[in-house]
Amino acid sequence: MYKRFSALLPKRVIEGLRSQLEYLNISINERRFAGFLIIYSLALSFGIAFNLALFLRIPLWIGFSACLGFIILCTYLWLSIAAEGKGKFVERILPDALQLIASNMKSGLTAERALFISARPEFGPLERELKRASAKIMSGERVELALMELPKRIKSKVLERTVWLISEGVTSGGQVADLLLQLSDDIREQNAVEEEIKANISMYIMLIFFSSAIGAPALFGISTFIVEILSKHMTGLASIPSGVNLGVAGQFVGGGGGGALNPEFVLLFAYIALFFSCIFAGMTIGVINSGKEKNGVKFIPLLLAIAFIVLFAIRTLLLSFFGGIM
């Protein structure tokens, strides 16, 4: 049944799911996973949309479409971010793994034996791939072909380029152990440069985080409170008989009553503006930190939580101190 529902998705999407599942070492058929995702996303979206329509009067089709897109997008982002996190971990421990493999090869071990012994538990996902490559070499597969299988289950450009260089060195008959040591030093230096860059741009990340999570909510809280006070006073001025001269205040009210300034609309605008500003702030942090917008998605829930807490806290404090004015 799941495979039949997976036919609703394009082939390119199915292939993308297959790649992400392979990166995460999840042994499940991609079409079964896609069908499962479609069925339960439809059911969950309908349930959420029905409750939104019942309690918040949001049209059923709008809530259903928004929830369905949100659930599918979040699932794909979770798979992609988890796969990239696995790749980043491998990139951090890759210099140590290469150095260990080179030391074992210099001690006289064959390539497959060096790979097997170097597969340590602290290497995490790289341990499984090294053992798998060692088993393939023992079964008679060429060393370079077995090594080229490593990047297919670990999403890392650094690992892909490293494996390609090692394969070229094995094919050309060079000193593989010396090549591994040189690659280890280069990757370690590259990681150090990346850490230095992250330290230099941390001030920009803190500035964006502060402005979206604290600065903007504080300003919205103050401005919405001021609008509520003005709305109350304008309503009182509008109730004064028309024969009384109000001067500038009467012109501000406009003779149309307090309905000209709607505090509920201003508060709704603050919620929407704050919601989207936190989303774009999280994506901007992702771009600055790693060069990809999706890596900033993990910051969005934290930004939203802090922003709305600050907004409600500011409004509560102002109402407690200046509530008598209203």
C-alpha atoms as a PDB file:
ATOM      1  CA  MET A   1       0.000   0.000   0.000  1.00  0.00           C
ATOM      2  CA  TYR A   2       2.803   2.421   0.879  1.00  0.00           C
ATOM      3  CA  LYS A   3       4.545   1.826  -2.456  1.00  0.00           C
ATOM      4  CA  ARG A   4       1.338   2.651  -4.345  1.00  0.00           C
ATOM      5  CA  PHE A   5       1.002   6.000  -2.603  1.00  0.00           C
ATOM      6  CA  SER A   6       4.679   6.761  -3.334  1.00  0.00           C
ATOM      7  CA  ALA A   7       3.768   6.934  -7.042  1.00  0.00           C
ATOM      8  CA  LEU A   8       2.261  10.363  -6.293  1.00  0.00           C
ATOM      9  CA  LEU A   9       5.750  11.780  -5.840  1.00  0.00           C
ATOM     10  CA  PRO A  10       8.168  12.533  -8.714  1.00  0.00           C
ATOM     11  CA  LYS A  11      11.031  10.133  -9.315  1.00  0.00           C
ATOM     12  CA  ARG A  12      13.595  12.790  -8.418  1.00  0.00           C
ATOM     13  CA  VAL A  13      12.021  13.191  -4.958  1.00  0.00           C
ATOM     14  CA  ILE A  14      12.122   9.415  -4.420  1.00  0.00           C
ATOM     15  CA  GLU A  15      15.808   9.344  -5.379  1.00  0.00           C
ATOM     16  CA  GLY A  16      16.487  12.199  -2.977  1.00  0.00           C
ATOM     17  CA  LEU A  17      14.815  10.283  -0.155  1.00  0.00           C
ATOM     18  CA  ARG A  18      16.847   7.200  -1.028  1.00  0.00           C
ATOM     19  CA  SER A  19      20.086   9.170  -0.778  1.00  0.00           C
ATOM     20  CA  GLN A  20      19.136  10.690   2.574  1.00  0.00           C
ATOM     21  CA  LEU A  21      18.165   7.287   3.993  1.00  0.00           C
ATOM     22  CA  GLU A  22      21.481   5.816   2.823  1.00  0.00           C
ATOM     23  CA  TYR A  23      23.392   8.689   4.420  1.00  0.00           C
ATOM     24  CA  LEU A  24      21.624   7.989   7.728  1.00  0.00           C
ATOM     25  CA  ASN A  25      22.138   4.213   7.416  1.00  0.00           C
ATOM     26  CA  ILE A  26      18.368   3.598   7.607  1.00  0.00           C
ATOM     27  CA  SER A  27      17.646   0.244   5.978  1.00  0.00           C
ATOM     28  CA  ILE A  28      14.150   0.847   4.633  1.00  0.00           C
ATOM     29  CA  ASN A  29      12.867   0.974   1.077  1.00  0.00           C
ATOM     30  CA  GLU A  30      12.572   4.574  -0.107  1.00  0.00           C
ATOM     31  CA  ARG A  31       9.162   3.968  -1.717  1.00  0.00           C
ATOM     32  CA  ARG A  32       7.754   2.458   1.468  1.00  0.00           C
ATOM     33  CA  PHE A  33       9.069   5.433   3.431  1.00  0.00           C
ATOM     34  CA  ALA A  34       7.610   7.907   0.916  1.00  0.00           C
ATOM     35  CA  GLY A  35       4.209   6.200   1.001  1.00  0.00           C
ATOM     36  CA  PHE A  36       4.241   6.131   4.798  1.00  0.00           C
ATOM     37  CA  LEU A  37       5.116   9.831   4.850  1.00  0.00           C
ATOM     38  CA  ILE A  38       2.280  10.728   2.455  1.00  0.00           C
ATOM     39  CA  ILE A  39      -0.424   8.719   4.272  1.00  0.00           C
ATOM     40  CA  TYR A  40       0.358   9.910   7.761  1.00  0.00           C
ATOM     41  CA  SER A  41       1.023  13.489   6.644  1.00  0.00           C
ATOM     42  CA  LEU A  42      -2.438  13.592   5.035  1.00  0.00           C
ATOM     43  CA  ALA A  43      -4.097  12.149   8.151  1.00  0.00           C
ATOM     44  CA  LEU A  44      -2.231  14.407  10.579  1.00  0.00           C
ATOM     45  CA  SER A  45      -2.779  17.499   8.412  1.00  0.00           C
ATOM     46  CA  PHE A  46      -6.512  16.856   8.199  1.00  0.00           C
ATOM     47  CA  GLY A  47      -6.741  16.423  11.974  1.00  0.00           C
ATOM     48  CA  ILE A  48      -4.851  19.655  12.682  1.00  0.00           C
ATOM     49  CA  ALA A  49      -6.780  21.579  10.014  1.00  0.00           C
ATOM     50  CA  PHE A  50     -10.103  20.363  11.406  1.00  0.00           C
ATOM     51  CA  ASN A  51      -9.198  21.626  14.892  1.00  0.00           C
ATOM     52  CA  LEU A  52      -7.968  24.945  13.502  1.00  0.00           C
ATOM     53  CA  ALA A  53     -11.231  25.388  11.607  1.00  0.00           C
ATOM     54  CA  LEU A  54     -13.274  24.423  14.668  1.00  0.00           C
ATOM     55  CA  PHE A  55     -11.569  26.625  17.253  1.00  0.00           C
ATOM     56  CA  LEU A  56      -9.842  29.406  15.286  1.00  0.00           C
ATOM     57  CA  ARG A  57     -12.221  29.626  12.297  1.00  0.00           C
ATOM     58  CA  ILE A  58      -9.363  29.094   9.840  1.00  0.00           C
ATOM     59  CA  PRO A  59     -10.654  27.716   6.492  1.00  0.00           C
ATOM     60  CA  LEU A  60     -10.196  23.961   6.289  1.00  0.00           C
ATOM     61  CA  TRP A  61      -8.355  23.941   2.954  1.00  0.00           C
ATOM     62  CA  ILE A  62      -5.908  26.631   4.049  1.00  0.00           C
ATOM     63  CA  GLY A  63      -5.041  24.835   7.295  1.00  0.00           C
ATOM     64  CA  PHE A  64      -4.789  21.477   5.508  1.00  0.00           C
ATOM     65  CA  SER A  65      -2.467  22.773   2.775  1.00  0.00           C
ATOM     66  CA  ALA A  66      -0.264  24.651   5.235  1.00  0.00           C
ATOM     67  CA  CYS A  67       0.033  21.690   7.624  1.00  0.00           C
ATOM     68  CA  LEU A  68       0.728  19.202   4.827  1.00  0.00           C
ATOM     69  CA  GLY A  69       3.509  21.319   3.343  1.00  0.00           C
ATOM     70  CA  PHE A  70       4.936  22.026   6.799  1.00  0.00           C
ATOM     71  CA  ILE A  71       5.065  18.349   7.832  1.00  0.00           C
ATOM     72  CA  ILE A  72       6.673  17.160   4.583  1.00  0.00           C
ATOM     73  CA  LEU A  73       9.161  20.039   4.591  1.00  0.00           C
ATOM     74  CA  CYS A  74      10.130  19.435   8.223  1.00  0.00           C
ATOM     75  CA  THR A  75      10.640  15.712   7.570  1.00  0.00           C
ATOM     76  CA  TYR A  76      12.910  16.348   4.595  1.00  0.00           C
ATOM     77  CA  LEU A  77      14.856  19.043   6.469  1.00  0.00           C
ATOM     78  CA  TRP A  78      15.303  16.708   9.434  1.00  0.00           C
ATOM     79  CA  LEU A  79      16.722  13.980   7.179  1.00  0.00           C
ATOM     80  CA  SER A  80      19.001  16.410   5.359  1.00  0.00           C
ATOM     81  CA  ILE A  81      20.277  18.148   8.501  1.00  0.00           C
ATOM     82  CA  ALA A  82      20.868  14.819  10.263  1.00  0.00           C
ATOM     83  CA  ALA A  83      22.829  13.530   7.252  1.00  0.00           C
ATOM     84  CA  GLU A  84      24.958  16.681   7.138  1.00  0.00           C
ATOM     85  CA  GLY A  85      25.561  16.470  10.880  1.00  0.00           C
ATOM     86  CA  LYS A  86      26.852  12.941  10.397  1.00  0.00           C
ATOM     87  CA  GLY A  87      29.132  14.184   7.618  1.00  0.00           C
ATOM     88  CA  LYS A  88      30.459  17.056   9.771  1.00  0.00           C
ATOM     89  CA  PHE A  89      31.338  14.589  12.519  1.00  0.00           C
ATOM     90  CA  VAL A  90      33.249  12.431  10.042  1.00  0.00           C
ATOM     91  CA  GLU A  91      35.129  15.479   8.767  1.00  0.00           C
ATOM     92  CA  ARG A  92      36.278  16.285  12.311  1.00  0.00           C
ATOM     93  CA  ILE A  93      37.651  12.818  13.029  1.00  0.00           C
ATOM     94  CA  LEU A  94      38.883  12.103   9.475  1.00  0.00           C
ATOM     95  CA  PRO A  95      42.460  13.403  10.060  1.00  0.00           C
ATOM     96  CA  ASP A  96      42.907  11.036  13.016  1.00  0.00           C
ATOM     97  CA  ALA A  97      41.505   8.114  11.004  1.00  0.00           C
ATOM     98  CA  LEU A  98      43.818   8.792   8.063  1.00  0.00           C
ATOM     99  CA  GLN A  99      46.815   9.113  10.339  1.00  0.00           C
ATOM    100  CA  LEU A 100      45.963   5.817  12.035  1.00  0.00           C
ATOM    101  CA  ILE A 101      45.536   4.024   8.690  1.00  0.00           C
ATOM    102  CA  ALA A 102      48.870   5.412   7.473  1.00  0.00           C
ATOM    103  CA  SER A 103      50.636   4.256  10.655  1.00  0.00           C
ATOM    104  CA  ASN A 104      49.221   0.752  10.252  1.00  0.00           C
ATOM    105  CA  MET A 105      50.285   0.606   6.600  1.00  0.00           C
ATOM    106  CA  LYS A 106      53.803   1.822   7.460  1.00  0.00           C
ATOM    107  CA  SER A 107      54.042  -0.972  10.015  1.00  0.00           C
ATOM    108  CA  GLY A 108      53.677  -3.499   7.187  1.00  0.00           C
ATOM    109  CA  LEU A 109      49.961  -4.301   7.185  1.00  0.00           C
ATOM    110  CA  THR A 110      48.062  -4.755   3.943  1.00  0.00           C
ATOM    111  CA  ALA A 111      45.457  -2.203   2.891  1.00  0.00           C
ATOM    112  CA  GLU A 112      42.418  -4.246   3.940  1.00  0.00           C
ATOM    113  CA  ARG A 113      43.994  -5.191   7.276  1.00  0.00           C
ATOM    114  CA  ALA A 114      44.991  -1.577   7.964  1.00  0.00           C
ATOM    115  CA  LEU A 115      41.436  -0.415   7.253  1.00  0.00           C
ATOM    116  CA  PHE A 116      39.928  -3.080   9.508  1.00  0.00           C
ATOM    117  CA  ILE A 117      42.242  -2.401  12.459  1.00  0.00           C
ATOM    118  CA  SER A 118      41.785   1.366  12.085  1.00  0.00           C
ATOM    119  CA  ALA A 119      37.997   1.075  12.415  1.00  0.00           C
ATOM    120  CA  ARG A 120      37.679   2.327  15.984  1.00  0.00           C
ATOM    121  CA  PRO A 121      34.345   2.813  17.818  1.00  0.00           C
ATOM    122  CA  GLU A 122      35.147   6.493  18.437  1.00  0.00           C
ATOM    123  CA  PHE A 123      35.056   7.068  14.679  1.00  0.00           C
ATOM    124  CA  GLY A 124      31.285   6.536  14.714  1.00  0.00           C
ATOM    125  CA  PRO A 125      29.779   6.072  11.235  1.00  0.00           C
ATOM    126  CA  LEU A 126      33.235   5.939   9.656  1.00  0.00           C
ATOM    127  CA  GLU A 127      33.932   2.739  11.617  1.00  0.00           C
ATOM    128  CA  ARG A 128      31.163   0.857   9.781  1.00  0.00           C
ATOM    129  CA  GLU A 129      32.287   2.118   6.388  1.00  0.00           C
ATOM    130  CA  LEU A 130      35.939   1.202   6.993  1.00  0.00           C
ATOM    131  CA  LYS A 131      34.931  -2.329   7.996  1.00  0.00           C
ATOM    132  CA  ARG A 132      32.659  -2.600   4.970  1.00  0.00           C
ATOM    133  CA  ALA A 133      35.461  -1.453   2.634  1.00  0.00           C
ATOM    134  CA  SER A 134      37.883  -3.886   4.286  1.00  0.00           C
ATOM    135  CA  ALA A 135      35.456  -6.774   3.782  1.00  0.00           C
ATOM    136  CA  LYS A 136      35.042  -5.891   0.092  1.00  0.00           C
ATOM    137  CA  ILE A 137      38.802  -5.782  -0.430  1.00  0.00           C
ATOM    138  CA  MET A 138      39.160  -9.177   1.275  1.00  0.00           C
ATOM    139  CA  SER A 139      36.499 -10.586  -1.040  1.00  0.00           C
ATOM    140  CA  GLY A 140      38.611  -9.645  -4.073  1.00  0.00           C
ATOM    141  CA  GLU A 141      37.394  -6.149  -4.995  1.00  0.00           C
ATOM    142  CA  ARG A 142      40.010  -3.592  -5.998  1.00  0.00           C
ATOM    143  CA  VAL A 143      41.118  -1.178  -3.276  1.00  0.00           C
ATOM    144  CA  GLU A 144      40.172   2.004  -5.141  1.00  0.00           C
ATOM    145  CA  LEU A 145      36.713   0.692  -5.998  1.00  0.00           C
ATOM    146  CA  ALA A 146      36.034  -0.332  -2.410  1.00  0.00           C
ATOM    147  CA  LEU A 147      37.147   3.063  -1.136  1.00  0.00           C
ATOM    148  CA  MET A 148      34.884   4.888  -3.597  1.00  0.00           C
ATOM    149  CA  GLU A 149      31.895   3.362  -1.760  1.00  0.00           C
ATOM    150  CA  LEU A 150      32.649   5.394   1.386  1.00  0.00           C
ATOM    151  CA  PRO A 151      31.104   8.738   0.275  1.00  0.00           C
ATOM    152  CA  LYS A 152      27.894   7.021  -0.856  1.00  0.00           C
ATOM    153  CA  ARG A 153      26.802   6.530   2.760  1.00  0.00           C
ATOM    154  CA  ILE A 154      28.395   9.611   4.326  1.00  0.00           C
ATOM    155  CA  LYS A 155      27.391  13.050   3.071  1.00  0.00           C
ATOM    156  CA  SER A 156      30.672  14.941   3.058  1.00  0.00           C
ATOM    157  CA  LYS A 157      32.456  16.767   0.256  1.00  0.00           C
ATOM    158  CA  VAL A 158      35.726  16.587   2.190  1.00  0.00           C
ATOM    159  CA  LEU A 159      35.476  12.806   2.464  1.00  0.00           C
ATOM    160  CA  GLU A 160      34.525  12.519  -1.205  1.00  0.00           C
ATOM    161  CA  ARG A 161      37.571  14.530  -2.349  1.00  0.00           C
ATOM    162  CA  THR A 162      39.840  12.676   0.076  1.00  0.00           C
ATOM    163  CA  VAL A 163      38.709   9.256  -1.144  1.00  0.00           C
ATOM    164  CA  TRP A 164      39.164  10.370  -4.758  1.00  0.00           C
ATOM    165  CA  LEU A 165      42.746  11.466  -4.068  1.00  0.00           C
ATOM    166  CA  ILE A 166      43.513   8.191  -2.286  1.00  0.00           C
ATOM    167  CA  SER A 167      42.030   6.194  -5.168  1.00  0.00           C
ATOM    168  CA  GLU A 168      44.138   8.141  -7.660  1.00  0.00           C
ATOM    169  CA  GLY A 169      47.238   7.511  -5.542  1.00  0.00           C
ATOM    170  CA  VAL A 170      46.514   3.777  -5.363  1.00  0.00           C
ATOM    171  CA  THR A 171      45.894   3.615  -9.120  1.00  0.00           C
ATOM    172  CA  SER A 172      49.123   5.445  -9.952  1.00  0.00           C
ATOM    173  CA  GLY A 173      51.144   3.255  -7.577  1.00  0.00           C
ATOM    174  CA  GLY A 174      52.317   6.023  -5.257  1.00  0.00           C
ATOM    175  CA  GLN A 175      53.222   5.857  -1.582  1.00  0.00           C
ATOM    176  CA  VAL A 176      49.731   5.640  -0.106  1.00  0.00           C
ATOM    177  CA  ALA A 177      50.879   5.950   3.522  1.00  0.00           C
ATOM    178  CA  ASP A 178      52.692   9.238   2.828  1.00  0.00           C
ATOM    179  CA  LEU A 179      49.656  10.465   0.893  1.00  0.00           C
ATOM    180  CA  LEU A 180      47.391   9.671   3.837  1.00  0.00           C
ATOM    181  CA  LEU A 181      49.640  11.587   6.233  1.00  0.00           C
ATOM    182  CA  GLN A 182      49.697  14.606   3.923  1.00  0.00           C
ATOM    183  CA  LEU A 183      45.903  14.521   3.527  1.00  0.00           C
ATOM    184  CA  SER A 184      45.556  14.269   7.297  1.00  0.00           C
ATOM    185  CA  ASP A 185      47.630  17.397   7.826  1.00  0.00           C
ATOM    186  CA  ASP A 186      45.743  19.304   5.108  1.00  0.00           C
ATOM    187  CA  ILE A 187      42.307  18.400   6.495  1.00  0.00           C
ATOM    188  CA  ARG A 188      43.374  19.272  10.039  1.00  0.00           C
ATOM    189  CA  GLU A 189      44.613  22.659   8.826  1.00  0.00           C
ATOM    190  CA  GLN A 190      41.375  23.217   6.914  1.00  0.00           C
ATOM    191  CA  ASN A 191      39.320  22.416  10.026  1.00  0.00           C
ATOM    192  CA  ALA A 192      41.406  24.875  12.045  1.00  0.00           C
ATOM    193  CA  VAL A 193      40.793  27.620   9.481  1.00  0.00           C
ATOM    194  CA  GLU A 194      37.040  26.941   9.540  1.00  0.00           C
ATOM    195  CA  GLU A 195      36.988  27.143  13.338  1.00  0.00           C
ATOM    196  CA  GLU A 196      38.850  30.453  13.196  1.00  0.00           C
ATOM    197  CA  ILE A 197      36.349  31.816  10.678  1.00  0.00           C
ATOM    198  CA  LYS A 198      33.439  30.760  12.914  1.00  0.00           C
ATOM    199  CA  ALA A 199      35.055  32.532  15.859  1.00  0.00           C
ATOM    200  CA  ASN A 200      35.444  35.721  13.822  1.00  0.00           C
ATOM    201  CA  ILE A 201      31.825  35.788  12.661  1.00  0.00           C
ATOM    202  CA  SER A 202      30.326  34.857  16.046  1.00  0.00           C
ATOM    203  CA  MET A 203      29.770  38.566  16.801  1.00  0.00           C
ATOM    204  CA  TYR A 204      27.528  38.917  13.738  1.00  0.00           C
ATOM    205  CA  ILE A 205      25.555  35.836  14.772  1.00  0.00           C
ATOM    206  CA  MET A 206      25.062  37.208  18.299  1.00  0.00           C
ATOM    207  CA  LEU A 207      23.921  40.555  16.876  1.00  0.00           C
ATOM    208  CA  ILE A 208      21.322  38.921  14.631  1.00  0.00           C
ATOM    209  CA  PHE A 209      20.178  36.643  17.456  1.00  0.00           C
ATOM    210  CA  PHE A 210      19.810  39.555  19.899  1.00  0.00           C
ATOM    211  CA  SER A 211      17.997  41.833  17.447  1.00  0.00           C
ATOM    212  CA  SER A 212      15.443  39.182  16.409  1.00  0.00           C
ATOM    213  CA  ALA A 213      14.912  37.441  19.772  1.00  0.00           C
ATOM    214  CA  ILE A 214      15.100  40.410  22.177  1.00  0.00           C
ATOM    215  CA  GLY A 215      15.292  43.787  20.419  1.00  0.00           C
ATOM    216  CA  ALA A 216      12.390  43.414  17.985  1.00  0.00           C
ATOM    217  CA  PRO A 217       9.989  41.783  20.524  1.00  0.00           C
ATOM    218  CA  ALA A 218      10.723  44.532  23.067  1.00  0.00           C
ATOM    219  CA  LEU A 219       9.940  47.239  20.519  1.00  0.00           C
ATOM    220  CA  PHE A 220       6.790  45.441  19.382  1.00  0.00           C
ATOM    221  CA  GLY A 221       5.676  45.044  23.002  1.00  0.00           C
ATOM    222  CA  ILE A 222       6.129  48.753  23.739  1.00  0.00           C
ATOM    223  CA  SER A 223       4.533  49.900  20.479  1.00  0.00           C
ATOM    224  CA  THR A 224       1.474  47.649  20.831  1.00  0.00           C
ATOM    225  CA  PHE A 225       0.973  48.873  24.412  1.00  0.00           C
ATOM    226  CA  ILE A 226       1.171  52.506  23.274  1.00  0.00           C
ATOM    227  CA  VAL A 227      -1.363  51.779  20.541  1.00  0.00           C
ATOM    228  CA  GLU A 228      -3.759  50.316  23.132  1.00  0.00           C
ATOM    229  CA  ILE A 229      -3.434  53.432  25.303  1.00  0.00           C
ATOM    230  CA  LEU A 230      -3.994  55.748  22.322  1.00  0.00           C
ATOM    231  CA  SER A 231      -6.979  53.689  21.232  1.00  0.00           C
ATOM    232  CA  LYS A 232      -8.579  53.967  24.698  1.00  0.00           C
ATOM    233  CA  HIS A 233      -8.041  57.723  24.858  1.00  0.00           C
ATOM    234  CA  MET A 234      -9.262  58.266  21.296  1.00  0.00           C
ATOM    235  CA  THR A 235     -12.397  56.325  22.143  1.00  0.00           C
ATOM    236  CA  GLY A 236     -12.950  58.606  25.128  1.00  0.00           C
ATOM    237  CA  LEU A 237     -12.387  61.724  23.021  1.00  0.00           C
ATOM    238  CA  ALA A 238     -14.800  60.487  20.378  1.00  0.00           C
ATOM    239  CA  SER A 239     -17.548  60.196  23.017  1.00  0.00           C
ATOM    240  CA  ILE A 240     -17.329  63.942  23.826  1.00  0.00           C
ATOM    241  CA  PRO A 241     -20.189  65.970  22.287  1.00  0.00           C
ATOM    242  CA  SER A 242     -19.441  67.415  18.885  1.00  0.00           C
ATOM    243  CA  GLY A 243     -19.868  70.986  20.064  1.00  0.00           C
ATOM    244  CA  VAL A 244     -16.770  70.824  22.245  1.00  0.00           C
ATOM    245  CA  ASN A 245     -13.592  72.056  20.551  1.00  0.00           C
ATOM    246  CA  LEU A 246     -10.870  69.385  20.892  1.00  0.00           C
ATOM    247  CA  GLY A 247      -8.236  71.125  18.771  1.00  0.00           C
ATOM    248  CA  VAL A 248      -5.500  68.879  17.478  1.00  0.00           C
ATOM    249  CA  ALA A 249      -6.827  65.856  19.392  1.00  0.00           C
ATOM    250  CA  GLY A 250     -10.158  66.128  17.627  1.00  0.00           C
ATOM    251  CA  GLN A 251      -8.417  66.213  14.267  1.00  0.00           C
ATOM    252  CA  PHE A 252      -6.372  63.111  15.254  1.00  0.00           C
ATOM    253  CA  VAL A 253      -9.504  61.220  16.178  1.00  0.00           C
ATOM    254  CA  GLY A 254     -10.970  62.292  12.849  1.00  0.00           C
ATOM    255  CA  GLY A 255     -14.522  62.324  14.108  1.00  0.00           C
ATOM    256  CA  GLY A 256     -14.859  58.677  13.248  1.00  0.00           C
ATOM    257  CA  GLY A 257     -14.553  57.244  16.751  1.00  0.00           C
ATOM    258  CA  GLY A 258     -11.870  55.014  18.163  1.00  0.00           C
ATOM    259  CA  GLY A 259     -12.294  52.408  15.443  1.00  0.00           C
ATOM    260  CA  ALA A 260      -9.777  54.263  13.276  1.00  0.00           C
ATOM    261  CA  LEU A 261      -6.978  52.736  15.372  1.00  0.00           C
ATOM    262  CA  ASN A 262      -7.475  49.013  15.949  1.00  0.00           C
ATOM    263  CA  PRO A 263      -5.114  47.589  18.630  1.00  0.00           C
ATOM    264  CA  GLU A 264      -6.071  43.996  17.739  1.00  0.00           C
ATOM    265  CA  PHE A 265      -4.881  44.505  14.180  1.00  0.00           C
ATOM    266  CA  VAL A 266      -1.623  46.072  15.369  1.00  0.00           C
ATOM    267  CA  LEU A 267      -1.037  43.149  17.746  1.00  0.00           C
ATOM    268  CA  LEU A 268      -1.742  40.645  14.968  1.00  0.00           C
ATOM    269  CA  PHE A 269       0.691  42.500  12.711  1.00  0.00           C
ATOM    270  CA  ALA A 270       3.328  42.301  15.485  1.00  0.00           C
ATOM    271  CA  TYR A 271       2.830  38.537  15.786  1.00  0.00           C
ATOM    272  CA  ILE A 272       3.156  37.984  12.024  1.00  0.00           C
ATOM    273  CA  ALA A 273       6.154  40.308  11.659  1.00  0.00           C
ATOM    274  CA  LEU A 274       7.899  38.687  14.615  1.00  0.00           C
ATOM    275  CA  PHE A 275       7.220  35.197  13.266  1.00  0.00           C
ATOM    276  CA  PHE A 276       8.738  35.893   9.851  1.00  0.00           C
ATOM    277  CA  SER A 277      11.635  37.935  11.245  1.00  0.00           C
ATOM    278  CA  CYS A 278      12.654  34.968  13.439  1.00  0.00           C
ATOM    279  CA  ILE A 279      12.446  32.606  10.462  1.00  0.00           C
ATOM    280  CA  PHE A 280      14.645  34.800   8.268  1.00  0.00           C
ATOM    281  CA  ALA A 281      17.012  35.491  11.188  1.00  0.00           C
ATOM    282  CA  GLY A 282      17.503  31.753  11.701  1.00  0.00           C
ATOM    283  CA  MET A 283      18.151  31.217   7.992  1.00  0.00           C
ATOM    284  CA  THR A 284      20.606  34.139   7.977  1.00  0.00           C
ATOM    285  CA  ILE A 285      22.480  32.616  10.913  1.00  0.00           C
ATOM    286  CA  GLY A 286      22.657  29.347   8.976  1.00  0.00           C
ATOM    287  CA  VAL A 287      24.126  31.104   5.937  1.00  0.00           C
ATOM    288  CA  ILE A 288      26.713  32.953   8.021  1.00  0.00           C
ATOM    289  CA  ASN A 289      27.624  29.911  10.085  1.00  0.00           C
ATOM    290  CA  SER A 290      27.820  27.190   7.433  1.00  0.00           C
ATOM    291  CA  GLY A 291      26.856  28.707   4.066  1.00  0.00           C
ATOM    292  CA  LYS A 292      23.457  26.964   3.873  1.00  0.00           C
ATOM    293  CA  GLU A 293      20.068  28.343   4.864  1.00  0.00           C
ATOM    294  CA  LYS A 294      18.672  25.005   6.020  1.00  0.00           C
ATOM    295  CA  ASN A 295      21.365  24.685   8.683  1.00  0.00           C
ATOM    296  CA  GLY A 296      19.747  27.648  10.429  1.00  0.00           C
ATOM    297  CA  VAL A 297      16.364  25.933  10.752  1.00  0.00           C
ATOM    298  CA  LYS A 298      17.403  24.459  14.108  1.00  0.00           C
ATOM    299  CA  PHE A 299      17.690  27.993  15.520  1.00  0.00           C
ATOM    300  CA  ILE A 300      14.165  29.040  14.487  1.00  0.00           C
ATOM    301  CA  PRO A 301      12.219  27.306  17.340  1.00  0.00           C
ATOM    302  CA  LEU A 302      14.570  28.828  19.933  1.00  0.00           C
ATOM    303  CA  LEU A 303      14.284  32.284  18.349  1.00  0.00           C
ATOM    304  CA  LEU A 304      10.475  32.056  18.227  1.00  0.00           C
ATOM    305  CA  ALA A 305      10.236  30.881  21.836  1.00  0.00           C
ATOM    306  CA  ILE A 306      12.487  33.642  23.197  1.00  0.00           C
ATOM    307  CA  ALA A 307      10.906  36.328  20.998  1.00  0.00           C
ATOM    308  CA  PHE A 308       7.319  35.644  22.041  1.00  0.00           C
ATOM    309  CA  ILE A 309       8.295  35.227  25.701  1.00  0.00           C
ATOM    310  CA  VAL A 310       9.987  38.651  25.594  1.00  0.00           C
ATOM    311  CA  LEU A 311       6.983  40.170  23.797  1.00  0.00           C
ATOM    312  CA  PHE A 312       4.465  38.905  26.357  1.00  0.00           C
ATOM    313  CA  ALA A 313       6.784  39.755  29.269  1.00  0.00           C
ATOM    314  CA  ILE A 314       7.195  43.365  28.101  1.00  0.00           C
ATOM    315  CA  ARG A 315       3.441  43.779  27.611  1.00  0.00           C
ATOM    316  CA  THR A 316       2.723  42.241  31.038  1.00  0.00           C
ATOM    317  CA  LEU A 317       5.217  44.535  32.776  1.00  0.00           C
ATOM    318  CA  LEU A 318       3.845  47.641  31.054  1.00  0.00           C
ATOM    319  CA  LEU A 319       0.275  46.685  31.867  1.00  0.00           C
ATOM    320  CA  SER A 320       1.187  46.107  35.516  1.00  0.00           C
ATOM    321  CA  PHE A 321       2.914  49.495  35.854  1.00  0.00           C
ATOM    322  CA  PHE A 322       0.766  51.665  33.605  1.00  0.00           C
ATOM    323  CA  GLY A 323      -2.501  49.769  33.562  1.00  0.00           C
ATOM    324  CA  GLY A 324      -4.184  52.574  35.517  1.00  0.00           C
ATOM    325  CA  ILE A 325      -3.805  54.897  32.539  1.00  0.00           C
ATOM    326  CA  MET A 326      -6.044  52.626  30.492  1.00  0.00           C
END
